[in-house]
C-alpha atoms as a PDB file:
ATOM      1  CA  UNK A   1       0.000   0.000   0.000  1.00  0.00           C
ATOM      2  CA  UNK A   2       1.332   3.433  -0.941  1.00  0.00           C
ATOM      3  CA  UNK A   3       0.841   5.945   1.862  1.00  0.00           C
ATOM      4  CA  UNK A   4       1.105   9.720   2.038  1.00  0.00           C
ATOM      5  CA  UNK A   5       1.898  11.043   5.525  1.00  0.00           C
ATOM      6  CA  UNK A   6      -0.170  14.123   6.367  1.00  0.00           C
ATOM      7  CA  UNK A   7       1.142  14.193   9.954  1.00  0.00           C
ATOM      8  CA  UNK A   8       2.226  11.480  12.438  1.00  0.00           C
ATOM      9  CA  UNK A   9      -1.421  10.706  13.230  1.00  0.00           C
ATOM     10  CA  UNK A  10      -3.032  11.018   9.784  1.00  0.00           C
ATOM     11  CA  UNK A  11      -2.106   8.965   6.735  1.00  0.00           C
ATOM     12  CA  UNK A  12      -3.744   8.828   3.300  1.00  0.00           C
ATOM     13  CA  UNK A  13      -3.715   5.874   0.938  1.00  0.00           C
ATOM     14  CA  UNK A  14      -2.475   6.836  -2.499  1.00  0.00           C
ATOM     15  CA  UNK A  15      -3.744   3.674  -4.167  1.00  0.00           C
ATOM     16  CA  UNK A  16      -6.561   3.796  -6.706  1.00  0.00           C
ATOM     17  CA  UNK A  17      -8.075   0.731  -5.050  1.00  0.00           C
ATOM     18  CA  UNK A  18      -7.570   0.895  -1.297  1.00  0.00           C
ATOM     19  CA  UNK A  19      -6.943  -2.589   0.115  1.00  0.00           C
ATOM     20  CA  UNK A  20      -6.135  -3.262   3.740  1.00  0.00           C
ATOM     21  CA  UNK A  21      -5.081  -6.526   5.337  1.00  0.00           C
ATOM     22  CA  UNK A  22      -4.271  -7.554   8.883  1.00  0.00           C
ATOM     23  CA  UNK A  23      -0.527  -6.897   8.555  1.00  0.00           C
ATOM     24  CA  UNK A  24      -1.288  -3.314   7.461  1.00  0.00           C
ATOM     25  CA  UNK A  25      -3.383  -2.805  10.594  1.00  0.00           C
ATOM     26  CA  UNK A  26      -0.686  -4.365  12.788  1.00  0.00           C
ATOM     27  CA  UNK A  27       1.845  -1.904  11.377  1.00  0.00           C
ATOM     28  CA  UNK A  28      -0.553   0.959  12.088  1.00  0.00           C
ATOM     29  CA  UNK A  29      -1.052  -0.325  15.646  1.00  0.00           C
ATOM     30  CA  UNK A  30       2.706  -0.062  16.223  1.00  0.00           C
ATOM     31  CA  UNK A  31       2.723   3.475  14.792  1.00  0.00           C
ATOM     32  CA  UNK A  32      -0.184   4.467  17.064  1.00  0.00           C
ATOM     33  CA  UNK A  33       1.783   3.324  20.129  1.00  0.00           C
ATOM     34  CA  UNK A  34       4.688   5.567  19.037  1.00  0.00           C
ATOM     35  CA  UNK A  35       2.564   8.736  18.746  1.00  0.00           C
ATOM     36  CA  UNK A  36       2.254  11.096  21.700  1.00  0.00           C
ATOM     37  CA  UNK A  37      -1.550  10.842  21.644  1.00  0.00           C
ATOM     38  CA  UNK A  38      -1.454   7.062  20.964  1.00  0.00           C
ATOM     39  CA  UNK A  39      -3.638   7.172  17.874  1.00  0.00           C
ATOM     40  CA  UNK A  40      -3.423   6.997  14.113  1.00  0.00           C
ATOM     41  CA  UNK A  41      -5.833   7.004  11.201  1.00  0.00           C
ATOM     42  CA  UNK A  42      -5.537   5.759   7.663  1.00  0.00           C
ATOM     43  CA  UNK A  43      -7.831   7.726   5.363  1.00  0.00           C
ATOM     44  CA  UNK A  44      -9.244   5.815   2.414  1.00  0.00           C
ATOM     45  CA  UNK A  45     -10.512   9.064   0.875  1.00  0.00           C
ATOM     46  CA  UNK A  46      -8.058  11.255  -1.035  1.00  0.00           C
ATOM     47  CA  UNK A  47      -8.216  14.540   0.934  1.00  0.00           C
ATOM     48  CA  UNK A  48     -10.280  16.714   3.305  1.00  0.00           C
ATOM     49  CA  UNK A  49     -12.456  17.972   0.457  1.00  0.00           C
ATOM     50  CA  UNK A  50     -13.926  14.569  -0.490  1.00  0.00           C
ATOM     51  CA  UNK A  51     -17.675  14.268   0.020  1.00  0.00           C
ATOM     52  CA  UNK A  52     -17.281  10.912   1.761  1.00  0.00           C
ATOM     53  CA  UNK A  53     -14.640  10.309   4.417  1.00  0.00           C
ATOM     54  CA  UNK A  54     -13.724   6.729   5.329  1.00  0.00           C
ATOM     55  CA  UNK A  55     -11.071   6.140   7.945  1.00  0.00           C
ATOM     56  CA  UNK A  56      -9.514   3.172   9.685  1.00  0.00           C
ATOM     57  CA  UNK A  57      -8.648   4.467  13.141  1.00  0.00           C
ATOM     58  CA  UNK A  58      -6.544   2.957  15.900  1.00  0.00           C
ATOM     59  CA  UNK A  59      -6.503   4.168  19.499  1.00  0.00           C
ATOM     60  CA  UNK A  60      -4.567   2.739  22.437  1.00  0.00           C
ATOM     61  CA  UNK A  61      -6.418   2.218  25.738  1.00  0.00           C
ATOM     62  CA  UNK A  62      -5.380   5.542  27.273  1.00  0.00           C
ATOM     63  CA  UNK A  63      -6.264   7.677  24.257  1.00  0.00           C
ATOM     64  CA  UNK A  64      -8.343  10.678  25.317  1.00  0.00           C
ATOM     65  CA  UNK A  65     -11.000  11.769  22.853  1.00  0.00           C
ATOM     66  CA  UNK A  66     -12.425  15.050  24.100  1.00  0.00           C
ATOM     67  CA  UNK A  67     -16.221  14.937  24.026  1.00  0.00           C
ATOM     68  CA  UNK A  68     -17.411  16.605  20.842  1.00  0.00           C
ATOM     69  CA  UNK A  69     -20.256  16.774  18.365  1.00  0.00           C
ATOM     70  CA  UNK A  70     -20.416  17.239  14.617  1.00  0.00           C
ATOM     71  CA  UNK A  71     -22.695  19.823  13.044  1.00  0.00           C
ATOM     72  CA  UNK A  72     -24.319  19.033   9.678  1.00  0.00           C
ATOM     73  CA  UNK A  73     -22.850  15.520   9.533  1.00  0.00           C
ATOM     74  CA  UNK A  74     -23.732  11.919  10.071  1.00  0.00           C
ATOM     75  CA  UNK A  75     -21.206   9.417  11.362  1.00  0.00           C
ATOM     76  CA  UNK A  76     -20.987   5.643  11.360  1.00  0.00           C
ATOM     77  CA  UNK A  77     -18.641   3.618  13.537  1.00  0.00           C
ATOM     78  CA  UNK A  78     -17.791  -0.063  13.055  1.00  0.00           C
ATOM     79  CA  UNK A  79     -15.538  -1.877  15.548  1.00  0.00           C
ATOM     80  CA  UNK A  80     -12.999  -4.179  13.918  1.00  0.00           C
ATOM     81  CA  UNK A  81     -10.966  -5.104  17.008  1.00  0.00           C
ATOM     82  CA  UNK A  82     -11.175  -4.291  20.692  1.00  0.00           C
ATOM     83  CA  UNK A  83     -13.850  -3.012  23.029  1.00  0.00           C
ATOM     84  CA  UNK A  84     -15.143   0.483  23.728  1.00  0.00           C
ATOM     85  CA  UNK A  85     -17.988   2.278  25.432  1.00  0.00           C
ATOM     86  CA  UNK A  86     -19.254   5.106  23.264  1.00  0.00           C
ATOM     87  CA  UNK A  87     -20.629   7.656  25.698  1.00  0.00           C
ATOM     88  CA  UNK A  88     -23.275  10.175  24.624  1.00  0.00           C
ATOM     89  CA  UNK A  89     -24.054  13.331  26.602  1.00  0.00           C
ATOM     90  CA  UNK A  90     -26.733  15.975  26.838  1.00  0.00           C
ATOM     91  CA  UNK A  91     -25.769  19.607  26.308  1.00  0.00           C
ATOM     92  CA  UNK A  92     -24.812  20.083  29.980  1.00  0.00           C
ATOM     93  CA  UNK A  93     -22.529  17.028  30.127  1.00  0.00           C
ATOM     94  CA  UNK A  94     -24.928  14.529  31.696  1.00  0.00           C
ATOM     95  CA  UNK A  95     -24.829  10.981  30.326  1.00  0.00           C
ATOM     96  CA  UNK A  96     -27.695  10.306  27.933  1.00  0.00           C
ATOM     97  CA  UNK A  97     -26.616   6.907  26.551  1.00  0.00           C
ATOM     98  CA  UNK A  98     -23.786   4.402  26.600  1.00  0.00           C
ATOM     99  CA  UNK A  99     -23.257   2.002  23.715  1.00  0.00           C
ATOM    100  CA  UNK A 100     -21.020  -0.899  24.730  1.00  0.00           C
ATOM    101  CA  UNK A 101     -19.255  -2.062  21.597  1.00  0.00           C
ATOM    102  CA  UNK A 102     -16.891  -4.791  20.480  1.00  0.00           C
ATOM    103  CA  UNK A 103     -16.035  -6.671  17.326  1.00  0.00           C
ATOM    104  CA  UNK A 104     -18.687  -8.811  15.620  1.00  0.00           C
ATOM    105  CA  UNK A 105     -17.756 -11.989  17.525  1.00  0.00           C
ATOM    106  CA  UNK A 106     -18.015 -10.261  20.938  1.00  0.00           C
ATOM    107  CA  UNK A 107     -21.810 -10.286  21.034  1.00  0.00           C
ATOM    108  CA  UNK A 108     -21.798  -6.551  21.746  1.00  0.00           C
ATOM    109  CA  UNK A 109     -22.947  -3.874  19.368  1.00  0.00           C
ATOM    110  CA  UNK A 110     -20.345  -3.640  16.627  1.00  0.00           C
ATOM    111  CA  UNK A 111     -21.869  -0.752  14.630  1.00  0.00           C
ATOM    112  CA  UNK A 112     -23.687   2.507  15.202  1.00  0.00           C
ATOM    113  CA  UNK A 113     -24.727   5.460  13.081  1.00  0.00           C
ATOM    114  CA  UNK A 114     -25.795   8.892  14.268  1.00  0.00           C
ATOM    115  CA  UNK A 115     -27.164  11.750  12.204  1.00  0.00           C
ATOM    116  CA  UNK A 116     -27.738  14.193  15.065  1.00  0.00           C
ATOM    117  CA  UNK A 117     -25.238  16.593  16.624  1.00  0.00           C
ATOM    118  CA  UNK A 118     -24.763  14.699  19.901  1.00  0.00           C
ATOM    119  CA  UNK A 119     -21.779  15.125  22.199  1.00  0.00           C
ATOM    120  CA  UNK A 120     -19.880  11.850  22.446  1.00  0.00           C
ATOM    121  CA  UNK A 121     -16.568  10.346  23.512  1.00  0.00           C
ATOM    122  CA  UNK A 122     -14.869   6.969  23.774  1.00  0.00           C
ATOM    123  CA  UNK A 123     -13.985   4.960  26.872  1.00  0.00           C
ATOM    124  CA  UNK A 124     -11.645   2.322  25.484  1.00  0.00           C
ATOM    125  CA  UNK A 125     -11.738  -0.876  27.539  1.00  0.00           C
ATOM    126  CA  UNK A 126      -9.257  -3.004  25.565  1.00  0.00           C
ATOM    127  CA  UNK A 127      -5.535  -2.520  25.029  1.00  0.00           C
ATOM    128  CA  UNK A 128      -6.164  -1.413  21.453  1.00  0.00           C
ATOM    129  CA  UNK A 129      -9.248  -0.268  19.549  1.00  0.00           C
ATOM    130  CA  UNK A 130      -9.461  -0.547  15.764  1.00  0.00           C
ATOM    131  CA  UNK A 131     -12.524   0.890  14.053  1.00  0.00           C
ATOM    132  CA  UNK A 132     -13.802   2.014  10.682  1.00  0.00           C
ATOM    133  CA  UNK A 133     -15.485   5.415  10.692  1.00  0.00           C
ATOM    134  CA  UNK A 134     -17.424   6.968   7.848  1.00  0.00           C
ATOM    135  CA  UNK A 135     -18.684  10.521   7.763  1.00  0.00           C
ATOM    136  CA  UNK A 136     -19.704  13.106   5.233  1.00  0.00           C
ATOM    137  CA  UNK A 137     -17.164  15.590   3.927  1.00  0.00           C
ATOM    138  CA  UNK A 138     -15.659  17.926   3.273  1.00  0.00           C
ATOM    139  CA  UNK A 139     -13.943  18.292   6.646  1.00  0.00           C
ATOM    140  CA  UNK A 140     -14.599  21.678   8.180  1.00  0.00           C
ATOM    141  CA  UNK A 141     -13.087  22.169  11.656  1.00  0.00           C
ATOM    142  CA  UNK A 142     -15.774  24.743  12.535  1.00  0.00           C
ATOM    143  CA  UNK A 143     -18.406  21.974  12.303  1.00  0.00           C
ATOM    144  CA  UNK A 144     -16.724  20.036  15.124  1.00  0.00           C
ATOM    145  CA  UNK A 145     -17.749  21.459  18.494  1.00  0.00           C
ATOM    146  CA  UNK A 146     -15.869  20.432  21.624  1.00  0.00           C
ATOM    147  CA  UNK A 147     -17.781  20.142  24.880  1.00  0.00           C
ATOM    148  CA  UNK A 148     -17.031  23.210  27.017  1.00  0.00           C
ATOM    149  CA  UNK A 149     -17.417  21.126  30.194  1.00  0.00           C
ATOM    150  CA  UNK A 150     -14.665  18.638  29.258  1.00  0.00           C
ATOM    151  CA  UNK A 151     -10.902  19.212  29.561  1.00  0.00           C
ATOM    152  CA  UNK A 152      -8.881  20.038  26.479  1.00  0.00           C
ATOM    153  CA  UNK A 153      -6.606  17.315  25.136  1.00  0.00           C
ATOM    154  CA  UNK A 154      -3.386  18.962  26.298  1.00  0.00           C
ATOM    155  CA  UNK A 155      -4.540  19.045  29.935  1.00  0.00           C
ATOM    156  CA  UNK A 156      -3.240  15.566  30.758  1.00  0.00           C
ATOM    157  CA  UNK A 157      -3.852  15.631  34.494  1.00  0.00           C
ATOM    158  CA  UNK A 158      -7.343  17.066  34.119  1.00  0.00           C
ATOM    159  CA  UNK A 159      -8.407  14.681  31.380  1.00  0.00           C
ATOM    160  CA  UNK A 160      -7.145  11.646  33.346  1.00  0.00           C
ATOM    161  CA  UNK A 161      -9.264  12.733  36.320  1.00  0.00           C
ATOM    162  CA  UNK A 162     -12.182  13.440  33.979  1.00  0.00           C
ATOM    163  CA  UNK A 163     -11.935   9.952  32.428  1.00  0.00           C
ATOM    164  CA  UNK A 164     -11.677   8.307  35.849  1.00  0.00           C
ATOM    165  CA  UNK A 165     -14.889  10.042  36.954  1.00  0.00           C
ATOM    166  CA  UNK A 166     -16.526   9.309  33.595  1.00  0.00           C
ATOM    167  CA  UNK A 167     -15.698   5.596  33.972  1.00  0.00           C
ATOM    168  CA  UNK A 168     -17.465   5.562  37.346  1.00  0.00           C
ATOM    169  CA  UNK A 169     -20.471   7.369  35.857  1.00  0.00           C
ATOM    170  CA  UNK A 170     -20.599   4.976  32.882  1.00  0.00           C
ATOM    171  CA  UNK A 171     -20.490   1.937  35.163  1.00  0.00           C
ATOM    172  CA  UNK A 172     -23.305   3.367  37.312  1.00  0.00           C
ATOM    173  CA  UNK A 173     -25.342   4.309  34.221  1.00  0.00           C
ATOM    174  CA  UNK A 174     -24.874   0.844  32.713  1.00  0.00           C
ATOM    175  CA  UNK A 175     -25.852  -0.870  35.986  1.00  0.00           C
ATOM    176  CA  UNK A 176     -29.121   1.119  36.021  1.00  0.00           C
ATOM    177  CA  UNK A 177     -29.845   0.265  32.378  1.00  0.00           C
ATOM    178  CA  UNK A 178     -29.337  -3.502  32.720  1.00  0.00           C
END
């Protein structure tokens, strides 16, 4: 596979027919572990202006994804490997839903699609999470809104505390729902 490096976390396939096999994903997993934010994505679309964005994304367990929502977009999420709780919030930061996900063989949900601008984040519960995400393009940073009640990504101490508290809240929420 021919790859163009956009930055250490974002790669684009330069092949006319994008084909991905397990060894490609294993190589990306190693690269994700080397990145400061422990994540990487391989874009199957050609650039930010494409109307359809398809990405194969890898996050390590401790990756912090600041709660955010997308305006004027839909998003689908398909777990290939690993386990994750996708946490949805109301506008004030209260939990509104938790979708426990895993790969197809796990018996958990392995796919979701949202078409509403809902705040969401990931609580990764496996050592590595590999997923396929599809969304509409073109990418416009102003259509991604970060939750004002959640720490910014650079605030390592604050986001670790936030995720610890969120994990407790998710466990309590899930216990009530089951």
